Protein backbone atom coordinates (compact mmCIF):
# COMPACT_ATOMS: atom_id res chain seq x y z
CA MET A 1 -64.09 54.07 54.71
CA THR A 2 -64.87 52.36 51.53
CA THR A 3 -68.33 50.68 51.22
CA ILE A 4 -67.77 47.56 49.20
CA PRO A 5 -70.05 46.56 46.68
CA ALA A 6 -72.40 43.66 47.05
CA VAL A 7 -75.40 42.11 45.13
CA GLU A 8 -78.07 40.63 47.28
CA GLY A 9 -78.31 36.96 47.11
CA ILE A 10 -75.59 36.57 44.62
CA ILE A 11 -72.33 38.05 46.12
CA THR A 12 -71.43 39.47 49.33
CA ALA A 13 -69.11 42.45 50.27
CA GLU A 14 -66.83 39.97 51.82
CA GLN A 15 -66.62 37.94 48.74
CA VAL A 16 -65.91 40.99 46.65
CA ARG A 17 -63.11 41.97 49.02
CA ALA A 18 -61.66 38.60 48.62
CA THR A 19 -61.57 38.93 44.88
CA ALA A 20 -59.89 42.24 45.32
CA GLU A 21 -57.15 40.87 47.56
CA ALA A 22 -56.69 38.13 45.42
CA ILE A 23 -55.79 40.51 42.56
CA ALA A 24 -53.64 42.55 44.93
CA SER A 25 -51.92 39.02 45.76
CA TRP A 26 -50.65 38.75 42.03
CA GLN A 27 -49.65 42.57 41.95
CA LEU A 28 -45.71 42.89 41.31
CA PRO A 29 -43.89 45.33 43.61
CA ASN A 30 -43.45 47.88 40.88
CA GLY A 31 -47.31 48.01 40.70
CA MET A 32 -47.83 45.99 37.34
CA ILE A 33 -50.76 43.77 37.55
CA GLN A 34 -50.31 40.67 35.31
CA TRP A 35 -53.01 38.37 33.97
CA PHE A 36 -51.62 35.88 36.14
CA PRO A 37 -48.32 35.03 37.88
CA GLY A 38 -45.64 34.48 35.42
CA GLY A 39 -48.10 36.07 32.36
CA HIS A 40 -48.12 39.18 30.95
CA ALA A 41 -49.74 42.61 31.66
CA ASP A 42 -51.33 44.91 29.13
CA PRO A 43 -52.44 48.60 30.03
CA TRP A 44 -56.08 48.03 29.55
CA ASN A 45 -56.56 45.02 31.55
CA HIS A 46 -54.03 46.52 34.18
CA VAL A 47 -56.31 49.65 34.43
CA GLU A 48 -59.34 47.52 34.79
CA ALA A 49 -57.65 45.78 37.59
CA ALA A 50 -56.82 49.09 39.41
CA MET A 51 -60.55 50.25 39.23
CA ALA A 52 -61.43 46.94 40.97
CA LEU A 53 -58.80 47.56 43.61
CA ASP A 54 -60.33 50.92 44.25
CA LEU A 55 -63.94 49.78 44.60
CA ALA A 56 -62.69 47.16 47.27
CA GLY A 57 -60.93 50.02 49.34
CA LEU A 58 -57.12 48.84 48.24
CA THR A 59 -56.56 52.40 47.17
CA ALA A 60 -52.65 52.06 47.88
CA GLU A 61 -52.46 49.17 45.50
CA ALA A 62 -54.48 50.72 43.04
CA LEU A 63 -52.26 53.93 43.09
CA ARG A 64 -49.43 51.73 42.56
CA ALA A 65 -50.85 50.33 39.47
CA TYR A 66 -51.36 53.90 38.14
CA GLN A 67 -47.85 54.89 39.02
CA TRP A 68 -46.51 51.89 37.00
CA LEU A 69 -48.19 53.31 34.01
CA VAL A 70 -46.61 56.57 34.81
CA ASP A 71 -43.11 55.00 35.04
CA VAL A 72 -43.25 53.02 31.83
CA GLN A 73 -45.15 55.28 29.53
CA ARG A 74 -43.11 56.07 26.28
CA PRO A 75 -42.09 59.50 25.39
CA ASP A 76 -44.60 59.39 22.53
CA GLY A 77 -47.62 58.79 25.06
CA SER A 78 -48.10 55.21 24.24
CA TRP A 79 -47.39 51.93 25.95
CA HIS A 80 -46.46 48.33 24.42
CA GLN A 81 -49.20 45.81 24.14
CA TYR A 82 -47.95 43.36 26.47
CA TYR A 83 -45.20 43.64 29.31
CA LEU A 84 -43.89 40.73 31.31
CA ALA A 85 -42.20 41.29 34.69
CA ASP A 86 -38.64 42.34 33.26
CA SER A 87 -39.16 42.70 29.55
CA ILE A 88 -41.50 43.84 26.73
CA GLU A 89 -43.44 40.38 25.12
CA GLN A 90 -45.15 42.42 22.22
CA ASP A 91 -44.03 45.79 21.35
CA LYS A 92 -47.13 46.80 19.33
CA LEU A 93 -48.54 49.96 20.45
CA ASP A 94 -52.48 49.34 20.65
CA ALA A 95 -54.59 52.40 20.49
CA ASN A 96 -57.56 51.16 22.79
CA THR A 97 -55.25 49.82 25.58
CA ILE A 98 -53.68 53.25 25.49
CA ALA A 99 -56.59 55.42 25.68
CA TYR A 100 -58.12 53.34 28.72
CA ILE A 101 -55.94 55.18 31.20
CA ALA A 102 -58.53 58.08 30.82
CA ALA A 103 -61.25 55.58 32.01
CA GLY A 104 -59.04 54.66 35.02
CA VAL A 105 -58.22 58.21 35.98
CA TRP A 106 -61.79 59.31 35.78
CA HIS A 107 -63.08 56.25 37.74
CA HIS A 108 -60.54 57.15 40.66
CA TRP A 109 -61.76 60.64 40.72
CA LEU A 110 -65.34 59.91 40.96
CA LEU A 111 -64.46 57.43 43.92
CA SER A 112 -62.03 59.70 45.90
CA CYS A 113 -62.41 63.50 44.49
CA ASP A 114 -58.99 63.52 44.83
CA LEU A 115 -57.76 66.53 42.68
CA ARG A 116 -54.22 66.09 43.21
CA PHE A 117 -54.20 62.52 41.71
CA VAL A 118 -55.84 63.96 38.68
CA GLU A 119 -53.42 66.79 38.43
CA THR A 120 -50.62 64.38 38.62
CA MET A 121 -51.97 62.05 36.23
CA TRP A 122 -52.83 64.73 33.50
CA PRO A 123 -49.81 64.86 31.52
CA THR A 124 -49.84 61.02 31.22
CA VAL A 125 -53.53 61.14 30.11
CA GLU A 126 -52.72 63.94 27.79
CA ARG A 127 -49.90 62.38 26.00
CA ALA A 128 -51.69 59.01 25.55
CA ILE A 129 -54.96 60.53 24.11
CA ASP A 130 -52.75 62.60 21.75
CA PHE A 131 -50.97 59.51 20.66
CA VAL A 132 -54.41 57.88 20.05
CA LEU A 133 -56.13 60.39 18.19
CA ASP A 134 -53.09 60.64 15.59
CA LEU A 135 -54.65 57.28 14.79
CA GLN A 136 -57.76 58.51 13.60
CA THR A 137 -58.76 58.57 10.03
CA PRO A 138 -60.63 61.19 8.01
CA ARG A 139 -63.99 59.20 8.35
CA GLY A 140 -63.60 59.03 12.14
CA GLU A 141 -62.38 55.51 12.95
CA ILE A 142 -59.36 54.99 15.04
CA LEU A 143 -56.69 52.57 13.46
CA TRP A 144 -56.19 49.66 15.92
CA ALA A 145 -52.36 50.15 16.40
CA ARG A 146 -48.93 51.23 15.44
CA HIS A 147 -45.91 49.12 14.97
CA ALA A 148 -43.06 50.09 17.41
CA ASP A 149 -41.40 51.71 14.55
CA GLY A 150 -44.38 54.03 14.08
CA THR A 151 -45.84 52.46 11.03
CA PRO A 152 -49.85 52.26 11.62
CA TRP A 153 -51.77 49.19 11.09
CA SER A 154 -54.14 49.34 8.33
CA PHE A 155 -57.67 48.82 9.82
CA ALA A 156 -59.75 49.72 12.69
CA LEU A 157 -61.74 47.35 15.14
CA LEU A 158 -65.08 47.94 16.26
CA THR A 159 -64.55 46.85 19.90
CA GLY A 160 -61.47 48.84 20.32
CA SER A 161 -62.97 51.91 18.88
CA SER A 162 -66.14 51.79 20.92
CA SER A 163 -63.91 51.51 24.17
CA ILE A 164 -61.83 54.33 22.82
CA CYS A 165 -64.85 56.37 22.32
CA HIS A 166 -65.79 55.96 26.16
CA SER A 167 -62.27 56.69 27.17
CA LEU A 168 -62.25 59.87 25.12
CA ARG A 169 -65.56 61.16 26.81
CA CYS A 170 -63.67 60.41 30.17
CA ALA A 171 -60.54 62.38 28.82
CA VAL A 172 -62.87 65.38 28.09
CA ALA A 173 -64.35 65.07 31.43
CA ILE A 174 -60.89 65.18 33.02
CA ALA A 175 -59.75 68.12 30.89
CA ASP A 176 -63.02 70.01 31.75
CA LEU A 177 -62.22 69.40 35.75
CA LEU A 178 -59.06 70.81 35.22
CA GLY A 179 -60.02 73.64 33.25
CA HIS A 180 -58.20 72.55 29.90
CA GLU A 181 -60.04 73.26 26.80
CA ARG A 182 -59.93 70.37 24.57
CA PRO A 183 -62.43 70.84 21.62
CA ASP A 184 -60.26 68.58 19.39
CA TRP A 185 -60.99 65.70 21.70
CA GLU A 186 -64.69 66.51 21.70
CA LEU A 187 -64.77 66.70 18.12
CA SER A 188 -62.78 63.30 17.80
CA ALA A 189 -65.03 61.60 20.02
CA SER A 190 -68.08 62.64 18.08
CA ARG A 191 -66.82 61.63 14.88
CA LEU A 192 -65.66 58.26 16.15
CA ALA A 193 -69.23 57.72 17.63
CA GLN A 194 -70.72 58.99 14.39
CA VAL A 195 -68.77 56.14 12.15
CA ILE A 196 -69.50 53.39 14.98
CA ARG A 197 -73.14 54.09 14.84
CA ALA A 198 -73.20 54.34 10.99
CA HIS A 199 -71.34 51.13 10.65
CA CYS A 200 -73.71 49.38 13.45
CA LEU A 201 -76.88 50.65 11.40
CA GLY A 202 -75.39 49.16 8.17
CA ASP A 203 -74.36 52.73 6.54
CA ALA A 204 -70.38 52.12 6.83
CA PRO A 205 -69.94 48.56 6.41
CA ASP A 206 -66.19 48.66 5.60
CA ALA A 207 -65.30 50.99 8.61
CA PHE A 208 -64.00 48.13 10.76
CA ALA A 209 -62.43 44.76 10.29
CA PRO A 210 -65.03 41.95 10.09
CA LYS A 211 -65.20 40.48 13.53
CA ALA A 212 -68.80 39.38 13.95
CA ARG A 213 -68.09 36.11 15.48
CA TRP A 214 -66.79 37.63 18.48
CA ALA A 215 -69.21 38.86 21.53
CA MET A 216 -67.40 41.92 21.89
CA ASP A 217 -68.18 43.42 18.44
CA TRP A 218 -71.76 42.91 19.28
CA TYR A 219 -72.29 44.48 22.69
CA TYR A 220 -69.28 47.06 22.94
CA PRO A 221 -71.15 49.98 20.91
CA VAL A 222 -73.51 49.85 23.48
CA LEU A 223 -71.15 49.32 26.53
CA GLY A 224 -69.12 52.17 24.88
CA GLY A 225 -72.20 54.47 25.21
CA VAL A 226 -72.29 54.97 21.28
CA LEU A 227 -75.70 53.22 21.06
CA THR A 228 -78.21 54.04 23.82
CA ALA A 229 -81.77 53.72 24.38
CA ASP A 230 -84.03 52.08 21.87
CA GLU A 231 -80.87 51.71 19.51
CA GLY A 232 -78.97 49.74 22.07
CA ARG A 233 -81.76 47.48 23.25
CA THR A 234 -82.42 46.69 19.48
CA ARG A 235 -78.56 46.02 19.17
CA LEU A 236 -78.40 43.57 22.01
CA ALA A 237 -81.78 41.85 21.16
CA SER A 238 -80.30 41.35 17.33
CA ARG A 239 -77.87 38.83 18.43
CA ARG A 240 -78.57 37.73 22.22
CA ASP A 241 -79.61 34.36 21.11
CA THR A 242 -76.34 34.05 19.33
CA PHE A 243 -74.20 34.62 22.03
CA LEU A 244 -76.20 34.12 25.30
CA VAL A 245 -76.33 30.51 26.66
CA PRO A 246 -79.04 30.05 29.28
CA ASP A 247 -77.72 29.25 32.64
CA ARG A 248 -73.91 29.87 31.61
CA GLY A 249 -73.27 33.29 30.44
CA ILE A 250 -71.73 34.69 27.18
CA ARG A 251 -70.05 32.83 24.52
CA CYS A 252 -66.66 34.64 23.72
CA VAL A 253 -67.07 33.44 20.17
CA SER A 254 -70.36 32.69 18.37
CA ASP A 255 -69.29 29.35 17.06
CA ARG A 256 -67.23 27.96 19.93
CA PRO A 257 -68.72 26.09 22.91
CA TRP A 258 -67.29 28.04 25.69
CA VAL A 259 -68.41 30.88 28.03
CA THR A 260 -66.10 33.36 29.66
CA ALA A 261 -67.06 35.44 33.06
CA ALA A 262 -65.33 38.84 31.88
CA GLU A 263 -67.45 38.91 28.71
CA THR A 264 -70.54 37.95 30.71
CA CYS A 265 -69.99 40.71 33.31
CA GLU A 266 -69.35 43.29 30.53
CA CYS A 267 -72.35 42.42 28.53
CA LEU A 268 -74.44 42.53 31.56
CA MET A 269 -73.21 46.04 32.18
CA ALA A 270 -74.51 47.04 28.55
CA GLU A 271 -77.86 45.34 29.13
CA LEU A 272 -77.76 47.32 32.34
CA SER A 273 -77.18 50.55 30.50
CA VAL A 274 -80.37 50.22 28.54
CA GLY A 275 -82.75 49.11 31.28
CA ASN A 276 -82.48 45.29 31.29
CA ARG A 277 -81.68 44.92 35.05
CA ASP A 278 -83.56 41.52 35.05
CA ILE A 279 -81.27 39.90 32.54
CA ALA A 280 -78.13 41.83 33.95
CA LEU A 281 -79.01 40.18 37.46
CA GLN A 282 -79.29 36.77 35.81
CA MET A 283 -76.08 36.95 33.83
CA PHE A 284 -74.14 37.92 36.99
CA GLU A 285 -75.60 35.09 38.87
CA TRP A 286 -74.47 32.64 36.12
CA ALA A 287 -70.98 34.12 36.22
CA GLN A 288 -70.65 33.02 39.78
CA ALA A 289 -70.26 29.37 38.74
CA LEU A 290 -66.55 30.27 37.61
CA ARG A 291 -65.69 31.64 41.15
CA ASP A 292 -62.77 29.74 42.60
CA THR A 293 -62.35 28.92 46.46
CA ASP A 294 -59.57 31.74 46.98
CA GLY A 295 -61.59 34.53 45.40
CA HIS A 296 -60.06 34.51 41.70
CA TYR A 297 -62.42 33.42 38.85
CA TRP A 298 -61.86 31.26 36.00
CA THR A 299 -61.29 32.85 32.62
CA GLY A 300 -64.07 30.41 31.08
CA ILE A 301 -65.49 27.03 30.63
CA VAL A 302 -66.09 24.61 27.89
CA PHE A 303 -69.38 23.04 27.63
CA PRO A 304 -70.67 20.42 28.03
CA ASP A 305 -67.28 19.20 28.77
CA GLU A 306 -67.08 21.18 31.97
CA VAL A 307 -63.48 21.87 31.34
CA HIS A 308 -61.75 25.46 32.31
CA PHE A 309 -60.73 27.20 29.31
CA PRO A 310 -58.06 28.25 28.72
CA GLY A 311 -56.63 25.52 30.48
CA ASP A 312 -57.06 26.01 34.45
CA GLU A 313 -56.26 29.70 33.79
CA ARG A 314 -57.65 32.40 36.23
CA THR A 315 -57.29 35.89 35.33
CA THR A 316 -57.10 39.18 37.30
CA TYR A 317 -58.98 40.96 34.51
CA THR A 318 -61.67 38.44 35.10
CA ASP A 319 -61.61 39.09 38.81
CA ALA A 320 -62.00 42.90 38.03
CA ALA A 321 -64.88 42.54 35.43
CA VAL A 322 -66.85 40.87 38.37
CA ILE A 323 -66.19 43.46 40.81
CA LEU A 324 -67.22 46.43 38.17
CA ALA A 325 -70.34 44.44 37.40
CA ALA A 326 -71.22 44.03 41.26
CA ASP A 327 -70.75 47.93 41.61
CA ALA A 328 -72.64 48.91 38.49
CA LEU A 329 -75.52 46.38 39.68
CA SER A 330 -75.78 47.56 43.24
CA ARG A 331 -74.76 51.24 42.61
CA THR A 332 -72.82 51.10 45.52
CA SER A 333 -69.94 53.72 44.75
CA ALA A 334 -70.06 57.14 43.24
CA ALA A 335 -68.27 55.47 40.13
CA SER A 336 -70.83 52.69 39.62
CA GLY A 337 -72.52 54.53 36.76
CA LEU A 338 -69.25 54.98 34.44
CA PHE A 339 -70.38 52.25 32.04
CA ILE A 340 -74.18 52.54 32.47
CA ASP A 341 -75.23 56.34 32.92
CA HIS A 342 -73.33 57.56 29.64
CA HIS A 343 -75.43 60.76 30.01
CA ALA A 344 -73.08 61.58 32.94
CA LEU A 345 -70.06 62.07 30.63
CA PRO A 346 -69.65 65.12 28.21
CA PRO A 347 -72.17 64.57 25.69
CA LEU A 348 -71.36 62.99 22.12
CA VAL A 349 -72.64 65.37 19.21
CA ASP A 350 -74.07 64.18 16.41
CA LEU A 351 -72.39 66.07 13.75
CA ASP A 352 -75.23 66.16 11.31
CA THR A 353 -77.56 68.14 13.55
CA ASP A 354 -75.37 69.51 16.46
CA SER A 355 -77.58 67.64 18.92
CA PRO A 356 -76.57 64.98 21.39
CA ILE A 357 -76.56 61.49 20.00
CA GLU A 358 -78.47 60.10 23.04
CA ASP A 359 -81.29 62.24 22.27
CA ARG A 360 -81.75 60.82 18.65
CA ALA A 361 -83.03 57.38 19.59
CA ASP A 362 -85.52 58.66 22.32
């Protein structure tokens, strides 16, 4: 029987289960999990929702979600960016959303130790990762996407590449579990981490498109496990006053008066990964102000107007971020460290020294 995450004094196991059931209530019969009824689904947020379902014991629903990805994967290993219930809304092939399947599969393995599931998903993961790595530049960053005709985008994104780096390490862990040697994946992850780290330290300013207004570009190099220990703490401290709104949470964009529950929960996991538990708990408590009566969470809120933004929108990916954060804070499940204990994944090698990147900042 699944032990459902709870954070004492902030959220109960019953509330977490209600949020997971709210996600499941919006899942389509084919397994797709849209952002909201009548909206679109994208592979990244779809996987995030599947992980949340798993954590609340809704295993059958989670497995249906993964099967949907198997069913709609393109022959080249990719998925389109946005799907509607019966059509494709945006046919771009986004590298970050494609890579995230590896994080989901590894998360399910950590929860279930279901080797048959991992073996069944291996061809899907392998094709997806190979597609993503075809977009890696000689310097190491991974271009954002391809057009549906195969033409690559001309730039890379820091947030996306940081998430991809984490997904690549999950993919390497899956390969190791199944006895498949993938030294090219290990090298690619290390090259990607090296350019992310260099960019964050000011040594590769042109590696990624300028997106400094967005909170995710600030905290994702930490959440993705590239900047750890002192480097991670320094990164978060450097712009915390820019993005953190006391008693509310994290601004999505630095110059806009709204906070979002998903960014707040992701950022608190980054804080947790570098030992800042007190601030992480505080942020999680603030996020509960966006909880609705049926267990769903409002995407965000504008202040001081106190108007939900986007207008009256509740989203499954926001619900999922809350559940993942609850698990990380409570350390309830065997997968609770996936986004905070980066040393538990295959190490990133500093290509200049042949030593793990995690060791350099200690």
